[in-house]
């Protein structure tokens, strides 16, 4: 199974790295296309087995699966250039472009298509990846889910739920909100006398631990918070201060604004 990735920017490069680290696709079956050489050279240095090219058509012609990881405003021109065949599988990473729009850009609108919304942690095999499908069969769905489950958690959802799920967890939105929390907590740690790097590691590990509690147990955030908020203790004081300052409301408003 040969995979072409059109675009080696933040998301395309991250997907290429995630695929190369996985077990289902050999490096030699991955080809990445990008107009400039710098990002391709960096990728090639990390994974010598990956093929690179500046020619989008060359990359796509040789592939069974074509992943389009270009900016939304380039999608139409790039897709018309590729002239994809109905036997190929198209995966679009452009969050705002619907299946209906994609179908207008291809020679074979009946071709199997996926919309893929990962985040950049896919390069570390820790993405929350959303997938929607059109004109696909069970075998294709299962393969794509297996492929991207090697790079984190993957969820197949209806296309009309993509915007809400992206604001919550995937794409640039969800991970950016979490990183913003890390940044803010780091600033507090520095003000209290900790070194920036030490503060960052403490917070990152705390987040990793919190995620593991939720993912690995039949529990709920409220249950885990109750376990650590002893009466009159420092944790409940901090939690209440967050609420006094609109922490929960701010998160809800931010996610709804990103939808």
C-alpha atoms as a PDB file:
ATOM      1  CA  UNK A   1       0.000   0.000   0.000  1.00  0.00           C
ATOM      2  CA  UNK A   2       1.700   3.180  -1.206  1.00  0.00           C
ATOM      3  CA  UNK A   3       0.831   6.510   0.386  1.00  0.00           C
ATOM      4  CA  UNK A   4       1.451   9.968  -1.051  1.00  0.00           C
ATOM      5  CA  UNK A   5       1.358  13.012   1.198  1.00  0.00           C
ATOM      6  CA  UNK A   6       0.889  16.278  -0.673  1.00  0.00           C
ATOM      7  CA  UNK A   7       2.325  19.006   1.537  1.00  0.00           C
ATOM      8  CA  UNK A   8       5.146  18.746   4.066  1.00  0.00           C
ATOM      9  CA  UNK A   9       4.096  21.558   6.387  1.00  0.00           C
ATOM     10  CA  UNK A  10       3.274  21.151  10.075  1.00  0.00           C
ATOM     11  CA  UNK A  11       0.448  18.675   9.520  1.00  0.00           C
ATOM     12  CA  UNK A  12       1.742  16.881   6.418  1.00  0.00           C
ATOM     13  CA  UNK A  13       5.188  16.488   7.966  1.00  0.00           C
ATOM     14  CA  UNK A  14       3.681  15.252  11.228  1.00  0.00           C
ATOM     15  CA  UNK A  15       1.587  12.649   9.412  1.00  0.00           C
ATOM     16  CA  UNK A  16       4.622  11.465   7.452  1.00  0.00           C
ATOM     17  CA  UNK A  17       6.611  11.054  10.675  1.00  0.00           C
ATOM     18  CA  UNK A  18       3.735   9.239  12.369  1.00  0.00           C
ATOM     19  CA  UNK A  19       3.323   6.826   9.455  1.00  0.00           C
ATOM     20  CA  UNK A  20       7.062   6.162   9.345  1.00  0.00           C
ATOM     21  CA  UNK A  21       7.088   5.302  13.050  1.00  0.00           C
ATOM     22  CA  UNK A  22       4.159   2.897  12.666  1.00  0.00           C
ATOM     23  CA  UNK A  23       4.223  -0.759  11.620  1.00  0.00           C
ATOM     24  CA  UNK A  24       1.613  -0.951   8.845  1.00  0.00           C
ATOM     25  CA  UNK A  25       3.425   1.093   6.179  1.00  0.00           C
ATOM     26  CA  UNK A  26       7.082   0.749   5.184  1.00  0.00           C
ATOM     27  CA  UNK A  27       9.069   3.967   4.841  1.00  0.00           C
ATOM     28  CA  UNK A  28       9.762   3.011   1.225  1.00  0.00           C
ATOM     29  CA  UNK A  29       6.012   3.122   0.508  1.00  0.00           C
ATOM     30  CA  UNK A  30       5.678   6.750   1.637  1.00  0.00           C
ATOM     31  CA  UNK A  31       6.263   9.614  -0.798  1.00  0.00           C
ATOM     32  CA  UNK A  32       5.973  13.245   0.272  1.00  0.00           C
ATOM     33  CA  UNK A  33       5.613  16.173  -2.100  1.00  0.00           C
ATOM     34  CA  UNK A  34       6.267  19.822  -1.288  1.00  0.00           C
ATOM     35  CA  UNK A  35       7.050  22.878  -3.457  1.00  0.00           C
ATOM     36  CA  UNK A  36      10.136  23.890  -1.455  1.00  0.00           C
ATOM     37  CA  UNK A  37      13.073  21.639  -0.610  1.00  0.00           C
ATOM     38  CA  UNK A  38      13.867  22.597   2.992  1.00  0.00           C
ATOM     39  CA  UNK A  39      11.088  20.653   4.724  1.00  0.00           C
ATOM     40  CA  UNK A  40      11.631  17.656   2.475  1.00  0.00           C
ATOM     41  CA  UNK A  41      15.347  17.611   3.254  1.00  0.00           C
ATOM     42  CA  UNK A  42      14.633  17.692   6.985  1.00  0.00           C
ATOM     43  CA  UNK A  43      12.132  14.843   6.645  1.00  0.00           C
ATOM     44  CA  UNK A  44      14.524  12.803   4.520  1.00  0.00           C
ATOM     45  CA  UNK A  45      17.279  13.263   7.080  1.00  0.00           C
ATOM     46  CA  UNK A  46      15.045  11.865   9.833  1.00  0.00           C
ATOM     47  CA  UNK A  47      13.629   9.018   7.716  1.00  0.00           C
ATOM     48  CA  UNK A  48      15.963   8.185   4.805  1.00  0.00           C
ATOM     49  CA  UNK A  49      13.598   5.523   3.457  1.00  0.00           C
ATOM     50  CA  UNK A  50      10.863   8.041   2.644  1.00  0.00           C
ATOM     51  CA  UNK A  51      10.757   9.274  -0.967  1.00  0.00           C
ATOM     52  CA  UNK A  52      10.406  13.019  -1.610  1.00  0.00           C
ATOM     53  CA  UNK A  53       9.608  15.103  -4.648  1.00  0.00           C
ATOM     54  CA  UNK A  54       8.644  18.624  -5.688  1.00  0.00           C
ATOM     55  CA  UNK A  55       6.144  17.213  -8.191  1.00  0.00           C
ATOM     56  CA  UNK A  56       2.634  16.635  -6.780  1.00  0.00           C
ATOM     57  CA  UNK A  57       1.457  14.698  -9.819  1.00  0.00           C
ATOM     58  CA  UNK A  58       4.448  12.351  -9.639  1.00  0.00           C
ATOM     59  CA  UNK A  59       3.717  11.618  -5.985  1.00  0.00           C
ATOM     60  CA  UNK A  60      -0.017  11.030  -6.453  1.00  0.00           C
ATOM     61  CA  UNK A  61       0.268   8.891  -9.592  1.00  0.00           C
ATOM     62  CA  UNK A  62       2.300   6.261  -7.738  1.00  0.00           C
ATOM     63  CA  UNK A  63       0.005   6.062  -4.703  1.00  0.00           C
ATOM     64  CA  UNK A  64      -2.931   3.935  -3.559  1.00  0.00           C
ATOM     65  CA  UNK A  65      -3.798   6.520  -0.887  1.00  0.00           C
ATOM     66  CA  UNK A  66      -3.354  10.260  -1.432  1.00  0.00           C
ATOM     67  CA  UNK A  67      -3.312  12.473   1.661  1.00  0.00           C
ATOM     68  CA  UNK A  68      -3.872  16.154   0.896  1.00  0.00           C
ATOM     69  CA  UNK A  69      -2.266  18.268   3.612  1.00  0.00           C
ATOM     70  CA  UNK A  70      -2.231  21.653   1.880  1.00  0.00           C
ATOM     71  CA  UNK A  71      -3.840  24.938   2.944  1.00  0.00           C
ATOM     72  CA  UNK A  72      -7.596  25.060   2.225  1.00  0.00           C
ATOM     73  CA  UNK A  73      -7.204  27.834  -0.349  1.00  0.00           C
ATOM     74  CA  UNK A  74      -4.824  25.624  -2.382  1.00  0.00           C
ATOM     75  CA  UNK A  75      -7.038  22.525  -2.312  1.00  0.00           C
ATOM     76  CA  UNK A  76      -8.982  23.111  -5.529  1.00  0.00           C
ATOM     77  CA  UNK A  77      -5.966  23.907  -7.712  1.00  0.00           C
ATOM     78  CA  UNK A  78      -3.891  21.040  -6.274  1.00  0.00           C
ATOM     79  CA  UNK A  79      -6.687  18.485  -6.605  1.00  0.00           C
ATOM     80  CA  UNK A  80      -7.476  19.422 -10.198  1.00  0.00           C
ATOM     81  CA  UNK A  81      -3.777  19.044 -11.007  1.00  0.00           C
ATOM     82  CA  UNK A  82      -3.618  15.532  -9.541  1.00  0.00           C
ATOM     83  CA  UNK A  83      -6.417  13.973 -11.647  1.00  0.00           C
ATOM     84  CA  UNK A  84      -7.044  11.244  -9.075  1.00  0.00           C
ATOM     85  CA  UNK A  85      -8.529   7.929 -10.204  1.00  0.00           C
ATOM     86  CA  UNK A  86     -11.579   6.186  -8.743  1.00  0.00           C
ATOM     87  CA  UNK A  87      -9.421   3.245  -7.579  1.00  0.00           C
ATOM     88  CA  UNK A  88      -7.388   5.559  -5.332  1.00  0.00           C
ATOM     89  CA  UNK A  89      -8.392   6.661  -1.836  1.00  0.00           C
ATOM     90  CA  UNK A  90      -8.423  10.385  -1.097  1.00  0.00           C
ATOM     91  CA  UNK A  91      -7.781  11.663   2.423  1.00  0.00           C
ATOM     92  CA  UNK A  92      -8.289  15.389   2.995  1.00  0.00           C
ATOM     93  CA  UNK A  93      -6.809  17.105   6.051  1.00  0.00           C
ATOM     94  CA  UNK A  94      -8.450  20.473   5.256  1.00  0.00           C
ATOM     95  CA  UNK A  95     -10.866  20.936   8.161  1.00  0.00           C
ATOM     96  CA  UNK A  96     -13.206  23.409   6.474  1.00  0.00           C
ATOM     97  CA  UNK A  97     -13.739  21.674   3.110  1.00  0.00           C
ATOM     98  CA  UNK A  98     -16.730  19.348   2.883  1.00  0.00           C
ATOM     99  CA  UNK A  99     -17.087  16.132   0.920  1.00  0.00           C
ATOM    100  CA  UNK A 100     -19.414  17.956  -1.486  1.00  0.00           C
ATOM    101  CA  UNK A 101     -16.696  20.486  -2.258  1.00  0.00           C
ATOM    102  CA  UNK A 102     -14.048  17.795  -2.615  1.00  0.00           C
ATOM    103  CA  UNK A 103     -16.253  15.899  -5.060  1.00  0.00           C
ATOM    104  CA  UNK A 104     -16.317  18.952  -7.345  1.00  0.00           C
ATOM    105  CA  UNK A 105     -12.519  19.051  -7.490  1.00  0.00           C
ATOM    106  CA  UNK A 106     -11.868  15.460  -8.600  1.00  0.00           C
ATOM    107  CA  UNK A 107     -12.267  13.688 -11.929  1.00  0.00           C
ATOM    108  CA  UNK A 108     -14.016  10.750 -10.225  1.00  0.00           C
ATOM    109  CA  UNK A 109     -16.443  12.151  -7.603  1.00  0.00           C
ATOM    110  CA  UNK A 110     -17.511   8.603  -6.738  1.00  0.00           C
ATOM    111  CA  UNK A 111     -14.012   7.777  -5.450  1.00  0.00           C
ATOM    112  CA  UNK A 112     -13.644   6.782  -1.772  1.00  0.00           C
ATOM    113  CA  UNK A 113     -12.880   9.793   0.399  1.00  0.00           C
ATOM    114  CA  UNK A 114     -11.985  10.410   3.999  1.00  0.00           C
ATOM    115  CA  UNK A 115     -11.822  13.653   5.906  1.00  0.00           C
ATOM    116  CA  UNK A 116      -9.071  13.396   8.510  1.00  0.00           C
ATOM    117  CA  UNK A 117      -8.667  15.826  11.407  1.00  0.00           C
ATOM    118  CA  UNK A 118      -5.571  14.924  13.457  1.00  0.00           C
ATOM    119  CA  UNK A 119      -3.435  17.212  15.579  1.00  0.00           C
ATOM    120  CA  UNK A 120       0.310  17.737  15.403  1.00  0.00           C
ATOM    121  CA  UNK A 121       0.894  15.189  18.192  1.00  0.00           C
ATOM    122  CA  UNK A 122       0.432  12.626  15.416  1.00  0.00           C
ATOM    123  CA  UNK A 123       4.204  12.879  14.906  1.00  0.00           C
ATOM    124  CA  UNK A 124       4.577  11.509  18.459  1.00  0.00           C
ATOM    125  CA  UNK A 125       1.863   8.895  17.849  1.00  0.00           C
ATOM    126  CA  UNK A 126      -0.360  10.643  20.406  1.00  0.00           C
ATOM    127  CA  UNK A 127      -2.936  12.394  18.208  1.00  0.00           C
ATOM    128  CA  UNK A 128      -6.673  12.582  18.762  1.00  0.00           C
ATOM    129  CA  UNK A 129      -7.702  11.946  15.159  1.00  0.00           C
ATOM    130  CA  UNK A 130     -11.209  12.355  13.772  1.00  0.00           C
ATOM    131  CA  UNK A 131     -12.273  10.536  10.614  1.00  0.00           C
ATOM    132  CA  UNK A 132     -15.357  10.908   8.420  1.00  0.00           C
ATOM    133  CA  UNK A 133     -15.969   8.708   5.364  1.00  0.00           C
ATOM    134  CA  UNK A 134     -17.783   8.924   2.022  1.00  0.00           C
ATOM    135  CA  UNK A 135     -18.113   6.289  -0.739  1.00  0.00           C
ATOM    136  CA  UNK A 136     -16.048   3.847   1.311  1.00  0.00           C
ATOM    137  CA  UNK A 137     -16.560   0.217   2.288  1.00  0.00           C
ATOM    138  CA  UNK A 138     -15.983  -1.517   5.621  1.00  0.00           C
ATOM    139  CA  UNK A 139     -12.569  -2.807   4.569  1.00  0.00           C
ATOM    140  CA  UNK A 140     -11.361   0.693   3.685  1.00  0.00           C
ATOM    141  CA  UNK A 141     -12.824   2.176   6.871  1.00  0.00           C
ATOM    142  CA  UNK A 142     -11.169  -0.468   9.033  1.00  0.00           C
ATOM    143  CA  UNK A 143      -7.795  -0.040   7.340  1.00  0.00           C
ATOM    144  CA  UNK A 144      -7.760   3.748   7.789  1.00  0.00           C
ATOM    145  CA  UNK A 145      -8.824   3.405  11.425  1.00  0.00           C
ATOM    146  CA  UNK A 146      -6.080   0.820  12.055  1.00  0.00           C
ATOM    147  CA  UNK A 147      -3.516   2.948  10.247  1.00  0.00           C
ATOM    148  CA  UNK A 148      -4.153   6.062  12.284  1.00  0.00           C
ATOM    149  CA  UNK A 149      -4.772   4.243  15.570  1.00  0.00           C
ATOM    150  CA  UNK A 150      -1.021   3.580  15.557  1.00  0.00           C
ATOM    151  CA  UNK A 151      -0.634   7.345  15.919  1.00  0.00           C
ATOM    152  CA  UNK A 152      -2.927   7.871  18.890  1.00  0.00           C
ATOM    153  CA  UNK A 153      -6.674   7.584  19.333  1.00  0.00           C
ATOM    154  CA  UNK A 154      -8.897   7.607  16.247  1.00  0.00           C
ATOM    155  CA  UNK A 155     -12.666   8.031  16.042  1.00  0.00           C
ATOM    156  CA  UNK A 156     -15.013   7.611  13.073  1.00  0.00           C
ATOM    157  CA  UNK A 157     -17.748  10.258  13.213  1.00  0.00           C
ATOM    158  CA  UNK A 158     -20.420  11.680  10.884  1.00  0.00           C
ATOM    159  CA  UNK A 159     -19.243  14.592   8.764  1.00  0.00           C
ATOM    160  CA  UNK A 160     -21.724  16.986  10.406  1.00  0.00           C
ATOM    161  CA  UNK A 161     -20.001  16.468  13.792  1.00  0.00           C
ATOM    162  CA  UNK A 162     -16.516  17.409  12.574  1.00  0.00           C
ATOM    163  CA  UNK A 163     -16.697  21.110  13.455  1.00  0.00           C
ATOM    164  CA  UNK A 164     -17.756  20.479  17.053  1.00  0.00           C
ATOM    165  CA  UNK A 165     -15.273  17.637  17.567  1.00  0.00           C
ATOM    166  CA  UNK A 166     -12.425  19.692  16.062  1.00  0.00           C
ATOM    167  CA  UNK A 167     -13.082  22.549  18.488  1.00  0.00           C
ATOM    168  CA  UNK A 168     -13.086  20.045  21.331  1.00  0.00           C
ATOM    169  CA  UNK A 169     -10.123  17.827  20.592  1.00  0.00           C
ATOM    170  CA  UNK A 170      -8.464  17.725  17.204  1.00  0.00           C
ATOM    171  CA  UNK A 171      -6.924  19.909  14.538  1.00  0.00           C
ATOM    172  CA  UNK A 172      -5.210  22.974  15.953  1.00  0.00           C
ATOM    173  CA  UNK A 173      -7.969  23.880  18.420  1.00  0.00           C
ATOM    174  CA  UNK A 174      -8.068  21.241  21.137  1.00  0.00           C
ATOM    175  CA  UNK A 175      -4.317  20.796  21.440  1.00  0.00           C
ATOM    176  CA  UNK A 176      -3.757  24.577  21.414  1.00  0.00           C
ATOM    177  CA  UNK A 177      -6.067  25.024  24.410  1.00  0.00           C
ATOM    178  CA  UNK A 178      -4.188  22.361  26.351  1.00  0.00           C
ATOM    179  CA  UNK A 179      -0.849  23.955  25.430  1.00  0.00           C
ATOM    180  CA  UNK A 180      -2.211  27.321  26.549  1.00  0.00           C
ATOM    181  CA  UNK A 181      -2.954  25.809  29.966  1.00  0.00           C
ATOM    182  CA  UNK A 182       0.604  24.462  30.139  1.00  0.00           C
ATOM    183  CA  UNK A 183       1.961  27.889  29.236  1.00  0.00           C
ATOM    184  CA  UNK A 184      -0.163  29.646  31.881  1.00  0.00           C
ATOM    185  CA  UNK A 185       0.736  27.106  34.578  1.00  0.00           C
ATOM    186  CA  UNK A 186       4.417  27.488  33.671  1.00  0.00           C
ATOM    187  CA  UNK A 187       4.157  31.238  34.197  1.00  0.00           C
ATOM    188  CA  UNK A 188       2.720  30.621  37.661  1.00  0.00           C
ATOM    189  CA  UNK A 189       5.501  28.173  38.470  1.00  0.00           C
ATOM    190  CA  UNK A 190       8.176  30.627  37.347  1.00  0.00           C
ATOM    191  CA  UNK A 191       6.645  33.388  39.466  1.00  0.00           C
ATOM    192  CA  UNK A 192       6.801  31.009  42.440  1.00  0.00           C
ATOM    193  CA  UNK A 193      10.513  30.365  41.852  1.00  0.00           C
ATOM    194  CA  UNK A 194      10.679  27.274  39.642  1.00  0.00           C
ATOM    195  CA  UNK A 195      12.892  27.044  36.582  1.00  0.00           C
ATOM    196  CA  UNK A 196      10.855  27.199  33.323  1.00  0.00           C
ATOM    197  CA  UNK A 197      12.011  23.798  32.092  1.00  0.00           C
ATOM    198  CA  UNK A 198      11.275  22.128  35.430  1.00  0.00           C
ATOM    199  CA  UNK A 199       7.832  23.742  35.618  1.00  0.00           C
ATOM    200  CA  UNK A 200       7.028  22.610  32.077  1.00  0.00           C
ATOM    201  CA  UNK A 201       7.969  18.989  32.807  1.00  0.00           C
ATOM    202  CA  UNK A 202       5.931  18.926  36.026  1.00  0.00           C
ATOM    203  CA  UNK A 203       2.827  20.269  34.304  1.00  0.00           C
ATOM    204  CA  UNK A 204       3.190  18.068  31.226  1.00  0.00           C
ATOM    205  CA  UNK A 205       3.494  14.940  33.359  1.00  0.00           C
ATOM    206  CA  UNK A 206       0.484  15.993  35.449  1.00  0.00           C
ATOM    207  CA  UNK A 207      -1.573  16.316  32.271  1.00  0.00           C
ATOM    208  CA  UNK A 208      -0.318  12.957  31.035  1.00  0.00           C
ATOM    209  CA  UNK A 209      -1.289  11.375  34.358  1.00  0.00           C
ATOM    210  CA  UNK A 210      -4.738  12.968  34.332  1.00  0.00           C
ATOM    211  CA  UNK A 211      -5.340  11.704  30.797  1.00  0.00           C
ATOM    212  CA  UNK A 212      -4.252   8.183  31.785  1.00  0.00           C
ATOM    213  CA  UNK A 213      -6.699   8.149  34.710  1.00  0.00           C
ATOM    214  CA  UNK A 214      -9.575   8.987  32.370  1.00  0.00           C
ATOM    215  CA  UNK A 215      -8.529   6.722  29.496  1.00  0.00           C
ATOM    216  CA  UNK A 216      -7.582   3.672  31.541  1.00  0.00           C
ATOM    217  CA  UNK A 217     -10.412   3.607  34.076  1.00  0.00           C
ATOM    218  CA  UNK A 218     -14.197   3.670  34.182  1.00  0.00           C
ATOM    219  CA  UNK A 219     -14.264   7.065  35.848  1.00  0.00           C
ATOM    220  CA  UNK A 220     -15.161  10.730  35.371  1.00  0.00           C
ATOM    221  CA  UNK A 221     -13.231  13.990  35.921  1.00  0.00           C
ATOM    222  CA  UNK A 222     -15.535  14.926  38.824  1.00  0.00           C
ATOM    223  CA  UNK A 223     -14.792  11.619  40.566  1.00  0.00           C
ATOM    224  CA  UNK A 224     -11.030  12.089  40.238  1.00  0.00           C
ATOM    225  CA  UNK A 225     -11.235  15.724  41.399  1.00  0.00           C
ATOM    226  CA  UNK A 226     -13.209  14.641  44.489  1.00  0.00           C
ATOM    227  CA  UNK A 227     -10.399  12.226  45.384  1.00  0.00           C
ATOM    228  CA  UNK A 228      -7.863  15.053  45.706  1.00  0.00           C
ATOM    229  CA  UNK A 229      -9.978  17.887  47.133  1.00  0.00           C
ATOM    230  CA  UNK A 230      -9.871  17.315  50.885  1.00  0.00           C
ATOM    231  CA  UNK A 231     -11.977  19.588  53.091  1.00  0.00           C
ATOM    232  CA  UNK A 232     -10.145  22.836  53.823  1.00  0.00           C
ATOM    233  CA  UNK A 233      -7.223  21.729  51.622  1.00  0.00           C
ATOM    234  CA  UNK A 234      -5.172  23.688  49.142  1.00  0.00           C
ATOM    235  CA  UNK A 235      -6.626  21.949  46.056  1.00  0.00           C
ATOM    236  CA  UNK A 236     -10.240  22.977  46.668  1.00  0.00           C
ATOM    237  CA  UNK A 237      -9.073  26.527  47.287  1.00  0.00           C
ATOM    238  CA  UNK A 238      -7.371  26.568  43.907  1.00  0.00           C
ATOM    239  CA  UNK A 239     -10.360  24.934  42.169  1.00  0.00           C
ATOM    240  CA  UNK A 240     -12.715  27.511  43.649  1.00  0.00           C
ATOM    241  CA  UNK A 241     -10.406  30.330  42.563  1.00  0.00           C
ATOM    242  CA  UNK A 242     -10.491  28.983  38.998  1.00  0.00           C
ATOM    243  CA  UNK A 243     -14.281  28.999  39.079  1.00  0.00           C
ATOM    244  CA  UNK A 244     -14.455  32.491  40.620  1.00  0.00           C
ATOM    245  CA  UNK A 245     -12.430  33.680  37.631  1.00  0.00           C
ATOM    246  CA  UNK A 246     -14.613  31.952  35.053  1.00  0.00           C
ATOM    247  CA  UNK A 247     -12.329  29.030  34.140  1.00  0.00           C
ATOM    248  CA  UNK A 248     -15.083  26.625  33.037  1.00  0.00           C
ATOM    249  CA  UNK A 249     -17.029  29.330  31.239  1.00  0.00           C
ATOM    250  CA  UNK A 250     -13.905  30.518  29.411  1.00  0.00           C
ATOM    251  CA  UNK A 251     -13.184  27.023  28.092  1.00  0.00           C
ATOM    252  CA  UNK A 252     -16.782  26.512  26.935  1.00  0.00           C
ATOM    253  CA  UNK A 253     -16.831  29.919  25.194  1.00  0.00           C
ATOM    254  CA  UNK A 254     -13.465  29.279  23.505  1.00  0.00           C
ATOM    255  CA  UNK A 255     -14.556  25.916  22.113  1.00  0.00           C
ATOM    256  CA  UNK A 256     -17.901  27.257  20.906  1.00  0.00           C
ATOM    257  CA  UNK A 257     -16.119  30.183  19.248  1.00  0.00           C
ATOM    258  CA  UNK A 258     -13.881  27.728  17.355  1.00  0.00           C
ATOM    259  CA  UNK A 259     -16.780  25.665  16.000  1.00  0.00           C
END
